[in-house]
Amino acid sequence: MKLNYPIKYAAMPVRDSGRWGNNELICYIVSKCFVVGEEKVYDADGKEKQKCKVVFPYVQGEIDWEYNIPTYYDYSCNNYTTIDKVFDTKEEALKDKDYKNDRLRKESWAYLPFSFDIEEQIEDKEREFNDNLAEFELLEAKIEENTEFLLNMPRKKLKRAISDKGISGTIYDVLALQAGQYLVYSVDDEAYDKNRGNIKELLKDAKLSVVFDGDYIYLINGMYIDRWNRLRNDDKIPELTEEKLGRIKGGASIYVTNESLEDIMESYKVREDIRISDLKKEQNKKLGQKTL
C-alpha cells in the first residue's frame, strides 16, 4: 500500500491563514497524522529535543479542508509539519490539546492594557476563543470520522517496481513520473520474490493494471488517476480502446509491482473535503430538531 506510515494522534495547530491571511494560531484540535520522520533540535543552552515530522490528513484550502497525504520532492517529504509530540491514543492527544488551548486562552488577554473594564475585556477575549474552539471542534469530530479507515487499512510491504530497463523506485514513484509511455503489471508477493531477477518469468502470470499513454494514467478497470493524484471515473478523458492499447504495447516501458489493482485504487481513492460552514448548519439543524 502507498500509505504504510505509522499513524499517530497529535494536537494539530489551526491557523487562520485561510480566513484572514495573518497566519495567527487560533487553537489546537486533535487529529490523526502520518509520521514521516523525526529530527533533533537544540536550545541555546545546548539541550537536545526530539521533534516529530508529521503530515495531517486534512489541511486548510482556500475554502474547504482538503484530504492530504505525504508528498515528496527529491526524495524528501515536502508537506510535513514539525510538532513536539505524537501519541498512540486519542485520549493522550486530547490532554495535550487541552493543555495547549488553556495556554492560548490565557495568552489571548494576557497583554491587554489595564483599564476600568479589564474584567469584561478578559471575558470577551475568552468567549471569543471558546467560540472559535467550538467551531473547530466540529471539524475535529468530522476529521476523526473521515479518517477512521486509516486505523483499519491493510498494510503491505511496499517493494520496488521491477522494470524492463532495470530496478526503479516504487510503483508510486513510477506513477508520479508522467513521461513517455508505460504499462504496469501486478503479481502476488510469492511470484515477485521468486522471479524478481527475471522479468520475463514475472510477466507470465502478471495482470495488466495500469496504462500510461503519455497523457493519462488509465486503470484497466475503466478508472484513471488525474494530475492531482485522485482516482476518477468519468467520461472526460479519451477512451482506452483495444486499438490504442495495442499501439502503446508496441513501445511502452514495462513495470512489474506486487501492488494489486485494488491496492493502487485504495491509495488514490478520493476522500471527502470538509466545509466548516456545512458542519455548523448540520449542528444548528440538529439543535433545532431537539428543541421542537
C-alpha atoms as a PDB file:
ATOM      1  CA  MET A   1       0.000   0.000   0.000  1.00  0.00           C
ATOM      2  CA  LYS A   2       1.095   3.584  -0.553  1.00  0.00           C
ATOM      3  CA  LEU A   3       0.302   4.721   2.990  1.00  0.00           C
ATOM      4  CA  ASN A   4       2.406   2.483   5.214  1.00  0.00           C
ATOM      5  CA  TYR A   5       3.426   5.301   7.537  1.00  0.00           C
ATOM      6  CA  PRO A   6       2.935   4.976  11.299  1.00  0.00           C
ATOM      7  CA  ILE A   7      -0.430   6.509  12.244  1.00  0.00           C
ATOM      8  CA  LYS A   8      -0.441   8.506  15.489  1.00  0.00           C
ATOM      9  CA  TYR A   9      -2.557  11.183  17.167  1.00  0.00           C
ATOM     10  CA  ALA A  10      -1.430  14.761  17.795  1.00  0.00           C
ATOM     11  CA  ALA A  11      -2.640  18.221  18.746  1.00  0.00           C
ATOM     12  CA  MET A  12      -2.861  19.935  15.359  1.00  0.00           C
ATOM     13  CA  PRO A  13      -2.345  23.722  15.282  1.00  0.00           C
ATOM     14  CA  VAL A  14      -5.148  25.575  13.474  1.00  0.00           C
ATOM     15  CA  ARG A  15      -4.209  28.896  11.922  1.00  0.00           C
ATOM     16  CA  ASP A  16      -6.442  31.459  10.269  1.00  0.00           C
ATOM     17  CA  SER A  17      -4.356  31.872   7.112  1.00  0.00           C
ATOM     18  CA  GLY A  18      -7.277  30.592   5.060  1.00  0.00           C
ATOM     19  CA  ARG A  19      -9.709  33.027   6.668  1.00  0.00           C
ATOM     20  CA  TRP A  20      -7.945  36.348   7.280  1.00  0.00           C
ATOM     21  CA  GLY A  21      -4.453  35.801   5.966  1.00  0.00           C
ATOM     22  CA  ASN A  22      -2.376  36.692   9.042  1.00  0.00           C
ATOM     23  CA  ASN A  23      -1.432  33.094   9.955  1.00  0.00           C
ATOM     24  CA  GLU A  24      -2.329  33.619  13.625  1.00  0.00           C
ATOM     25  CA  LEU A  25      -2.653  30.491  15.746  1.00  0.00           C
ATOM     26  CA  ILE A  26      -6.339  30.107  16.663  1.00  0.00           C
ATOM     27  CA  CYS A  27      -6.436  26.858  18.631  1.00  0.00           C
ATOM     28  CA  TYR A  28      -5.465  23.195  18.665  1.00  0.00           C
ATOM     29  CA  ILE A  29      -7.613  20.232  17.698  1.00  0.00           C
ATOM     30  CA  VAL A  30      -6.823  16.523  17.798  1.00  0.00           C
ATOM     31  CA  SER A  31      -6.161  14.695  14.559  1.00  0.00           C
ATOM     32  CA  LYS A  32      -4.566  11.501  13.352  1.00  0.00           C
ATOM     33  CA  CYS A  33      -1.327  12.057  11.479  1.00  0.00           C
ATOM     34  CA  PHE A  34       1.134  10.257   9.238  1.00  0.00           C
ATOM     35  CA  VAL A  35       4.553  10.183  10.931  1.00  0.00           C
ATOM     36  CA  VAL A  36       7.194  10.755   8.246  1.00  0.00           C
ATOM     37  CA  GLY A  37      10.281  11.444  10.346  1.00  0.00           C
ATOM     38  CA  GLU A  38      11.996  12.862  13.401  1.00  0.00           C
ATOM     39  CA  GLU A  39      14.671  15.484  13.900  1.00  0.00           C
ATOM     40  CA  LYS A  40      16.912  16.738  16.694  1.00  0.00           C
ATOM     41  CA  VAL A  41      16.822  20.416  17.659  1.00  0.00           C
ATOM     42  CA  TYR A  42      18.915  22.247  20.238  1.00  0.00           C
ATOM     43  CA  ASP A  43      18.102  25.093  22.617  1.00  0.00           C
ATOM     44  CA  ALA A  44      20.511  27.981  23.126  1.00  0.00           C
ATOM     45  CA  ASP A  45      21.922  26.162  26.164  1.00  0.00           C
ATOM     46  CA  GLY A  46      22.627  23.077  24.047  1.00  0.00           C
ATOM     47  CA  LYS A  47      19.771  20.980  25.401  1.00  0.00           C
ATOM     48  CA  GLU A  48      18.645  18.404  22.840  1.00  0.00           C
ATOM     49  CA  LYS A  49      14.980  17.885  21.932  1.00  0.00           C
ATOM     50  CA  GLN A  50      13.271  15.489  19.556  1.00  0.00           C
ATOM     51  CA  LYS A  51      10.740  16.920  17.126  1.00  0.00           C
ATOM     52  CA  CYS A  52       8.315  14.886  15.022  1.00  0.00           C
ATOM     53  CA  LYS A  53       7.640  15.443  11.335  1.00  0.00           C
ATOM     54  CA  VAL A  54       4.017  14.645  10.581  1.00  0.00           C
ATOM     55  CA  VAL A  55       1.530  15.096   7.771  1.00  0.00           C
ATOM     56  CA  PHE A  56      -2.021  15.769   8.904  1.00  0.00           C
ATOM     57  CA  PRO A  57      -4.678  14.067   6.730  1.00  0.00           C
ATOM     58  CA  TYR A  58      -6.681  17.284   6.354  1.00  0.00           C
ATOM     59  CA  VAL A  59      -5.277  20.722   5.575  1.00  0.00           C
ATOM     60  CA  GLN A  60      -6.963  24.059   5.050  1.00  0.00           C
ATOM     61  CA  GLY A  61      -7.531  25.015   1.419  1.00  0.00           C
ATOM     62  CA  GLU A  62      -8.948  28.246   0.051  1.00  0.00           C
ATOM     63  CA  ILE A  63     -12.490  27.227   1.009  1.00  0.00           C
ATOM     64  CA  ASP A  64     -12.613  23.650   2.284  1.00  0.00           C
ATOM     65  CA  TRP A  65     -10.417  21.462   4.424  1.00  0.00           C
ATOM     66  CA  GLU A  66      -8.908  19.038   1.920  1.00  0.00           C
ATOM     67  CA  TYR A  67      -7.659  15.472   2.253  1.00  0.00           C
ATOM     68  CA  ASN A  68      -3.883  15.368   2.363  1.00  0.00           C
ATOM     69  CA  ILE A  69      -1.195  12.678   2.226  1.00  0.00           C
ATOM     70  CA  PRO A  70       2.616  12.905   2.308  1.00  0.00           C
ATOM     71  CA  THR A  71       4.130  14.193  -0.933  1.00  0.00           C
ATOM     72  CA  TYR A  72       7.785  14.149  -1.917  1.00  0.00           C
ATOM     73  CA  TYR A  73      10.270  16.187  -3.912  1.00  0.00           C
ATOM     74  CA  ASP A  74      13.850  14.990  -4.421  1.00  0.00           C
ATOM     75  CA  TYR A  75      13.145  12.050  -2.081  1.00  0.00           C
ATOM     76  CA  SER A  76      12.169  14.346   0.828  1.00  0.00           C
ATOM     77  CA  CYS A  77       8.677  14.904   2.160  1.00  0.00           C
ATOM     78  CA  ASN A  78       7.724  18.492   1.333  1.00  0.00           C
ATOM     79  CA  ASN A  79       4.382  18.929   3.144  1.00  0.00           C
ATOM     80  CA  TYR A  80       5.150  17.932   6.716  1.00  0.00           C
ATOM     81  CA  THR A  81       4.512  19.910   9.918  1.00  0.00           C
ATOM     82  CA  THR A  82       7.014  19.821  12.766  1.00  0.00           C
ATOM     83  CA  ILE A  83       5.394  19.278  16.174  1.00  0.00           C
ATOM     84  CA  ASP A  84       6.663  18.443  19.642  1.00  0.00           C
ATOM     85  CA  LYS A  85       4.669  15.291  20.470  1.00  0.00           C
ATOM     86  CA  VAL A  86       2.710  12.427  18.959  1.00  0.00           C
ATOM     87  CA  PHE A  87       0.604   9.902  20.853  1.00  0.00           C
ATOM     88  CA  ASP A  88      -0.596   6.348  20.425  1.00  0.00           C
ATOM     89  CA  THR A  89      -4.122   7.142  21.611  1.00  0.00           C
ATOM     90  CA  LYS A  90      -6.657   9.879  21.055  1.00  0.00           C
ATOM     91  CA  GLU A  91      -7.130  10.273  24.820  1.00  0.00           C
ATOM     92  CA  GLU A  92      -3.471  11.221  25.323  1.00  0.00           C
ATOM     93  CA  ALA A  93      -3.645  13.728  22.476  1.00  0.00           C
ATOM     94  CA  LEU A  94      -6.821  15.283  23.932  1.00  0.00           C
ATOM     95  CA  LYS A  95      -4.986  16.011  27.192  1.00  0.00           C
ATOM     96  CA  ASP A  96      -2.174  17.702  25.259  1.00  0.00           C
ATOM     97  CA  LYS A  97      -4.733  19.667  23.218  1.00  0.00           C
ATOM     98  CA  ASP A  98      -6.498  20.896  26.382  1.00  0.00           C
ATOM     99  CA  TYR A  99      -3.193  21.978  27.939  1.00  0.00           C
ATOM    100  CA  LYS A 100      -2.159  23.926  24.831  1.00  0.00           C
ATOM    101  CA  ASN A 101      -5.576  25.528  24.413  1.00  0.00           C
ATOM    102  CA  ASP A 102      -5.645  26.616  28.062  1.00  0.00           C
ATOM    103  CA  ARG A 103      -2.330  28.352  27.481  1.00  0.00           C
ATOM    104  CA  LEU A 104      -3.578  30.020  24.295  1.00  0.00           C
ATOM    105  CA  ARG A 105      -6.792  31.130  26.018  1.00  0.00           C
ATOM    106  CA  LYS A 106      -4.781  32.982  28.671  1.00  0.00           C
ATOM    107  CA  GLU A 107      -2.448  34.476  26.069  1.00  0.00           C
ATOM    108  CA  SER A 108      -5.473  35.942  24.267  1.00  0.00           C
ATOM    109  CA  TRP A 109      -5.908  38.527  27.054  1.00  0.00           C
ATOM    110  CA  ALA A 110      -2.518  38.487  28.805  1.00  0.00           C
ATOM    111  CA  TYR A 111      -1.278  41.672  27.093  1.00  0.00           C
ATOM    112  CA  LEU A 112      -4.416  43.764  27.347  1.00  0.00           C
ATOM    113  CA  PRO A 113      -3.678  47.249  28.774  1.00  0.00           C
ATOM    114  CA  PHE A 114      -5.176  47.825  32.208  1.00  0.00           C
ATOM    115  CA  SER A 115      -8.468  49.701  32.271  1.00  0.00           C
ATOM    116  CA  PHE A 116     -11.545  50.013  34.488  1.00  0.00           C
ATOM    117  CA  ASP A 117     -13.392  47.345  32.424  1.00  0.00           C
ATOM    118  CA  ILE A 118     -10.491  44.878  32.227  1.00  0.00           C
ATOM    119  CA  GLU A 119     -12.572  42.019  33.614  1.00  0.00           C
ATOM    120  CA  GLU A 120     -15.169  42.488  30.870  1.00  0.00           C
ATOM    121  CA  GLN A 121     -12.431  42.591  28.247  1.00  0.00           C
ATOM    122  CA  ILE A 122     -10.955  39.345  29.576  1.00  0.00           C
ATOM    123  CA  GLU A 123     -14.392  37.708  29.471  1.00  0.00           C
ATOM    124  CA  ASP A 124     -14.868  38.892  25.883  1.00  0.00           C
ATOM    125  CA  LYS A 125     -11.484  37.501  24.818  1.00  0.00           C
ATOM    126  CA  GLU A 126     -12.110  34.152  26.473  1.00  0.00           C
ATOM    127  CA  ARG A 127     -15.611  33.972  24.974  1.00  0.00           C
ATOM    128  CA  GLU A 128     -14.154  34.680  21.512  1.00  0.00           C
ATOM    129  CA  PHE A 129     -11.540  31.982  21.990  1.00  0.00           C
ATOM    130  CA  ASN A 130     -14.089  29.434  23.207  1.00  0.00           C
ATOM    131  CA  ASP A 131     -16.415  30.199  20.275  1.00  0.00           C
ATOM    132  CA  ASN A 132     -13.582  29.639  17.793  1.00  0.00           C
ATOM    133  CA  LEU A 133     -12.566  26.436  19.561  1.00  0.00           C
ATOM    134  CA  ALA A 134     -16.147  25.114  19.483  1.00  0.00           C
ATOM    135  CA  GLU A 135     -16.296  25.800  15.744  1.00  0.00           C
ATOM    136  CA  PHE A 136     -13.102  23.895  15.064  1.00  0.00           C
ATOM    137  CA  GLU A 137     -14.086  21.043  17.355  1.00  0.00           C
ATOM    138  CA  LEU A 138     -16.852  20.365  14.820  1.00  0.00           C
ATOM    139  CA  LEU A 139     -14.031  19.986  12.300  1.00  0.00           C
ATOM    140  CA  GLU A 140     -12.145  17.758  14.743  1.00  0.00           C
ATOM    141  CA  ALA A 141     -15.089  15.364  15.004  1.00  0.00           C
ATOM    142  CA  LYS A 142     -15.526  15.231  11.213  1.00  0.00           C
ATOM    143  CA  ILE A 143     -11.822  14.584  10.596  1.00  0.00           C
ATOM    144  CA  GLU A 144     -11.956  11.735  13.116  1.00  0.00           C
ATOM    145  CA  GLU A 145     -14.948  10.255  11.281  1.00  0.00           C
ATOM    146  CA  ASN A 146     -13.421  10.672   7.816  1.00  0.00           C
ATOM    147  CA  THR A 147     -10.056   9.156   8.777  1.00  0.00           C
ATOM    148  CA  GLU A 148     -11.279   6.105  10.669  1.00  0.00           C
ATOM    149  CA  PHE A 149     -10.189   3.982   7.694  1.00  0.00           C
ATOM    150  CA  LEU A 150      -6.526   4.811   8.391  1.00  0.00           C
ATOM    151  CA  LEU A 151      -6.532   2.650  11.516  1.00  0.00           C
ATOM    152  CA  ASN A 152      -8.065  -0.326   9.718  1.00  0.00           C
ATOM    153  CA  MET A 153      -6.359  -0.024   6.341  1.00  0.00           C
ATOM    154  CA  PRO A 154      -4.490  -3.199   5.359  1.00  0.00           C
ATOM    155  CA  ARG A 155      -0.710  -2.849   5.468  1.00  0.00           C
ATOM    156  CA  LYS A 156       1.622  -4.466   2.988  1.00  0.00           C
ATOM    157  CA  LYS A 157       5.344  -4.024   2.474  1.00  0.00           C
ATOM    158  CA  LEU A 158       5.839  -1.741  -0.490  1.00  0.00           C
ATOM    159  CA  LYS A 159       8.514  -3.211  -2.755  1.00  0.00           C
ATOM    160  CA  ARG A 160      10.382  -1.620  -5.614  1.00  0.00           C
ATOM    161  CA  ALA A 161       8.896  -1.854  -9.066  1.00  0.00           C
ATOM    162  CA  ILE A 162      10.818  -4.049 -11.494  1.00  0.00           C
ATOM    163  CA  SER A 163      11.358  -2.620 -14.955  1.00  0.00           C
ATOM    164  CA  ASP A 164      12.455  -4.000 -18.292  1.00  0.00           C
ATOM    165  CA  LYS A 165      15.137  -1.300 -18.041  1.00  0.00           C
ATOM    166  CA  GLY A 166      16.366  -2.346 -14.579  1.00  0.00           C
ATOM    167  CA  ILE A 167      15.283  -1.702 -10.984  1.00  0.00           C
ATOM    168  CA  SER A 168      13.356   1.525 -10.394  1.00  0.00           C
ATOM    169  CA  GLY A 169      11.664   3.114  -7.379  1.00  0.00           C
ATOM    170  CA  THR A 170       8.281   2.068  -6.020  1.00  0.00           C
ATOM    171  CA  ILE A 171       5.315   1.875  -8.330  1.00  0.00           C
ATOM    172  CA  TYR A 172       4.070   5.155  -6.866  1.00  0.00           C
ATOM    173  CA  ASP A 173       7.330   6.817  -7.894  1.00  0.00           C
ATOM    174  CA  VAL A 174       6.660   5.481 -11.391  1.00  0.00           C
ATOM    175  CA  LEU A 175       3.089   6.790 -11.450  1.00  0.00           C
ATOM    176  CA  ALA A 176       4.341  10.221 -10.392  1.00  0.00           C
ATOM    177  CA  LEU A 177       6.653  10.327 -13.436  1.00  0.00           C
ATOM    178  CA  GLN A 178       4.319  11.167 -16.277  1.00  0.00           C
ATOM    179  CA  ALA A 179       6.838  10.818 -19.087  1.00  0.00           C
ATOM    180  CA  GLY A 180       6.930   8.543 -22.115  1.00  0.00           C
ATOM    181  CA  GLN A 181       4.501   5.612 -22.098  1.00  0.00           C
ATOM    182  CA  TYR A 182       4.422   2.672 -19.713  1.00  0.00           C
ATOM    183  CA  LEU A 183       2.477  -0.404 -18.674  1.00  0.00           C
ATOM    184  CA  VAL A 184       2.219  -1.604 -15.080  1.00  0.00           C
ATOM    185  CA  TYR A 185       1.647  -5.297 -14.364  1.00  0.00           C
ATOM    186  CA  SER A 186       0.732  -6.769 -10.960  1.00  0.00           C
ATOM    187  CA  VAL A 187       1.909 -10.052  -9.431  1.00  0.00           C
ATOM    188  CA  ASP A 188       1.482 -11.542  -5.966  1.00  0.00           C
ATOM    189  CA  ASP A 189       4.276 -11.451  -3.368  1.00  0.00           C
ATOM    190  CA  GLU A 190       5.268 -15.072  -3.945  1.00  0.00           C
ATOM    191  CA  ALA A 191       5.782 -14.584  -7.672  1.00  0.00           C
ATOM    192  CA  TYR A 192       7.566 -11.287  -7.079  1.00  0.00           C
ATOM    193  CA  ASP A 193      10.061 -12.784  -4.610  1.00  0.00           C
ATOM    194  CA  LYS A 194      10.643 -15.901  -6.701  1.00  0.00           C
ATOM    195  CA  ASN A 195      11.249 -14.192 -10.057  1.00  0.00           C
ATOM    196  CA  ARG A 196      12.308 -10.641  -9.222  1.00  0.00           C
ATOM    197  CA  GLY A 197      15.500 -11.075 -11.279  1.00  0.00           C
ATOM    198  CA  ASN A 198      13.665 -12.378 -14.334  1.00  0.00           C
ATOM    199  CA  ILE A 199      11.053 -10.024 -15.743  1.00  0.00           C
ATOM    200  CA  LYS A 200      10.055 -12.493 -18.475  1.00  0.00           C
ATOM    201  CA  GLU A 201       9.085 -15.070 -15.852  1.00  0.00           C
ATOM    202  CA  LEU A 202       7.289 -12.407 -13.836  1.00  0.00           C
ATOM    203  CA  LEU A 203       5.185 -11.377 -16.813  1.00  0.00           C
ATOM    204  CA  LYS A 204       3.917 -14.933 -17.418  1.00  0.00           C
ATOM    205  CA  ASP A 205       1.449 -14.717 -14.512  1.00  0.00           C
ATOM    206  CA  ALA A 206       1.184 -10.926 -14.257  1.00  0.00           C
ATOM    207  CA  LYS A 207      -2.038  -8.977 -14.719  1.00  0.00           C
ATOM    208  CA  LEU A 208      -2.089  -5.621 -16.509  1.00  0.00           C
ATOM    209  CA  SER A 209      -3.206  -2.943 -14.028  1.00  0.00           C
ATOM    210  CA  VAL A 210      -2.177   0.491 -15.304  1.00  0.00           C
ATOM    211  CA  VAL A 211      -1.596   2.053 -18.716  1.00  0.00           C
ATOM    212  CA  PHE A 212       0.020   5.451 -19.259  1.00  0.00           C
ATOM    213  CA  ASP A 213      -0.378   6.721 -22.813  1.00  0.00           C
ATOM    214  CA  GLY A 214       1.738   9.854 -22.385  1.00  0.00           C
ATOM    215  CA  ASP A 215      -1.223  11.953 -21.226  1.00  0.00           C
ATOM    216  CA  TYR A 216      -3.479   9.910 -18.935  1.00  0.00           C
ATOM    217  CA  ILE A 217      -2.938   7.233 -16.281  1.00  0.00           C
ATOM    218  CA  TYR A 218      -5.605   4.620 -17.034  1.00  0.00           C
ATOM    219  CA  LEU A 219      -6.534   1.830 -14.663  1.00  0.00           C
ATOM    220  CA  ILE A 220      -7.533  -1.273 -16.551  1.00  0.00           C
ATOM    221  CA  ASN A 221     -10.976  -1.365 -14.872  1.00  0.00           C
ATOM    222  CA  GLY A 222     -12.088   1.860 -16.585  1.00  0.00           C
ATOM    223  CA  MET A 223     -10.962   4.343 -13.923  1.00  0.00           C
ATOM    224  CA  TYR A 224      -7.987   6.697 -14.094  1.00  0.00           C
ATOM    225  CA  ILE A 225      -5.704   8.813 -11.892  1.00  0.00           C
ATOM    226  CA  ASP A 226      -5.849  12.548 -12.584  1.00  0.00           C
ATOM    227  CA  ARG A 227      -2.998  15.044 -12.333  1.00  0.00           C
ATOM    228  CA  TRP A 228      -3.983  15.830  -8.726  1.00  0.00           C
ATOM    229  CA  ASN A 229      -3.414  12.152  -7.788  1.00  0.00           C
ATOM    230  CA  ARG A 230      -7.119  11.429  -7.378  1.00  0.00           C
ATOM    231  CA  LEU A 231      -8.934   8.316  -8.515  1.00  0.00           C
ATOM    232  CA  ARG A 232     -11.587   9.252 -11.084  1.00  0.00           C
ATOM    233  CA  ASN A 233     -14.325   7.554 -13.066  1.00  0.00           C
ATOM    234  CA  ASP A 234     -15.933   9.740 -15.720  1.00  0.00           C
ATOM    235  CA  ASP A 235     -16.039  10.345 -19.464  1.00  0.00           C
ATOM    236  CA  LYS A 236     -13.867  13.483 -19.531  1.00  0.00           C
ATOM    237  CA  ILE A 237     -10.835  11.711 -20.981  1.00  0.00           C
ATOM    238  CA  PRO A 238     -10.391   9.755 -24.222  1.00  0.00           C
ATOM    239  CA  GLU A 239     -11.353   6.096 -24.004  1.00  0.00           C
ATOM    240  CA  LEU A 240      -8.634   3.471 -23.703  1.00  0.00           C
ATOM    241  CA  THR A 241      -9.607   1.280 -26.646  1.00  0.00           C
ATOM    242  CA  GLU A 242      -8.106  -2.092 -27.562  1.00  0.00           C
ATOM    243  CA  GLU A 243      -6.612  -0.464 -30.645  1.00  0.00           C
ATOM    244  CA  LYS A 244      -4.992   2.272 -28.575  1.00  0.00           C
ATOM    245  CA  LEU A 245      -3.725  -0.264 -26.030  1.00  0.00           C
ATOM    246  CA  GLY A 246      -2.199  -2.319 -28.827  1.00  0.00           C
ATOM    247  CA  ARG A 247      -0.274   0.684 -30.145  1.00  0.00           C
ATOM    248  CA  ILE A 248       1.009   1.539 -26.646  1.00  0.00           C
ATOM    249  CA  LYS A 249       2.191  -2.032 -26.029  1.00  0.00           C
ATOM    250  CA  GLY A 250       4.447  -1.736 -29.061  1.00  0.00           C
ATOM    251  CA  GLY A 251       6.849   0.731 -27.464  1.00  0.00           C
ATOM    252  CA  ALA A 252       5.940   1.314 -23.801  1.00  0.00           C
ATOM    253  CA  SER A 253       8.222   0.684 -20.834  1.00  0.00           C
ATOM    254  CA  ILE A 254       7.221  -2.255 -18.620  1.00  0.00           C
ATOM    255  CA  TYR A 255       6.962  -2.226 -14.830  1.00  0.00           C
ATOM    256  CA  VAL A 256       6.022  -5.094 -12.527  1.00  0.00           C
ATOM    257  CA  THR A 257       4.812  -4.491  -8.976  1.00  0.00           C
ATOM    258  CA  ASN A 258       3.497  -6.503  -6.048  1.00  0.00           C
ATOM    259  CA  GLU A 259       0.745  -3.873  -5.664  1.00  0.00           C
ATOM    260  CA  SER A 260      -2.582  -5.166  -6.939  1.00  0.00           C
ATOM    261  CA  LEU A 261      -5.053  -3.062  -8.885  1.00  0.00           C
ATOM    262  CA  GLU A 262      -7.125  -2.843  -5.681  1.00  0.00           C
ATOM    263  CA  ASP A 263      -4.079  -1.605  -3.716  1.00  0.00           C
ATOM    264  CA  ILE A 264      -3.462   1.121  -6.285  1.00  0.00           C
ATOM    265  CA  MET A 265      -7.123   2.161  -6.262  1.00  0.00           C
ATOM    266  CA  GLU A 266      -7.153   2.373  -2.449  1.00  0.00           C
ATOM    267  CA  SER A 267      -4.013   4.515  -2.493  1.00  0.00           C
ATOM    268  CA  TYR A 268      -5.590   7.111  -4.807  1.00  0.00           C
ATOM    269  CA  LYS A 269      -9.180   6.999  -3.561  1.00  0.00           C
ATOM    270  CA  VAL A 270     -10.779  10.437  -3.330  1.00  0.00           C
ATOM    271  CA  ARG A 271     -11.652  11.442   0.238  1.00  0.00           C
ATOM    272  CA  GLU A 272     -14.356  13.900   1.185  1.00  0.00           C
ATOM    273  CA  ASP A 273     -13.451  17.583   1.617  1.00  0.00           C
ATOM    274  CA  ILE A 274     -14.826  19.287   4.723  1.00  0.00           C
ATOM    275  CA  ARG A 275     -16.502  22.705   4.836  1.00  0.00           C
ATOM    276  CA  ILE A 276     -16.943  24.123   8.339  1.00  0.00           C
ATOM    277  CA  SER A 277     -19.978  26.200   7.353  1.00  0.00           C
ATOM    278  CA  ASP A 278     -21.750  22.958   6.384  1.00  0.00           C
ATOM    279  CA  LEU A 279     -20.861  21.413   9.740  1.00  0.00           C
ATOM    280  CA  LYS A 280     -22.345  24.416  11.545  1.00  0.00           C
ATOM    281  CA  LYS A 281     -25.543  24.140   9.515  1.00  0.00           C
ATOM    282  CA  GLU A 282     -25.821  20.450  10.384  1.00  0.00           C
ATOM    283  CA  GLN A 283     -25.285  21.223  14.064  1.00  0.00           C
ATOM    284  CA  ASN A 284     -27.880  24.016  14.054  1.00  0.00           C
ATOM    285  CA  LYS A 285     -30.353  21.728  12.321  1.00  0.00           C
ATOM    286  CA  LYS A 286     -29.852  19.050  14.968  1.00  0.00           C
ATOM    287  CA  LEU A 287     -30.199  21.564  17.788  1.00  0.00           C
ATOM    288  CA  GLY A 288     -33.361  22.925  16.209  1.00  0.00           C
ATOM    289  CA  GLN A 289     -34.858  19.456  15.920  1.00  0.00           C
ATOM    290  CA  LYS A 290     -34.121  18.773  19.588  1.00  0.00           C
ATOM    291  CA  THR A 291     -35.988  21.895  20.700  1.00  0.00           C
ATOM    292  CA  LEU A 292     -39.159  21.043  18.762  1.00  0.00           C
END
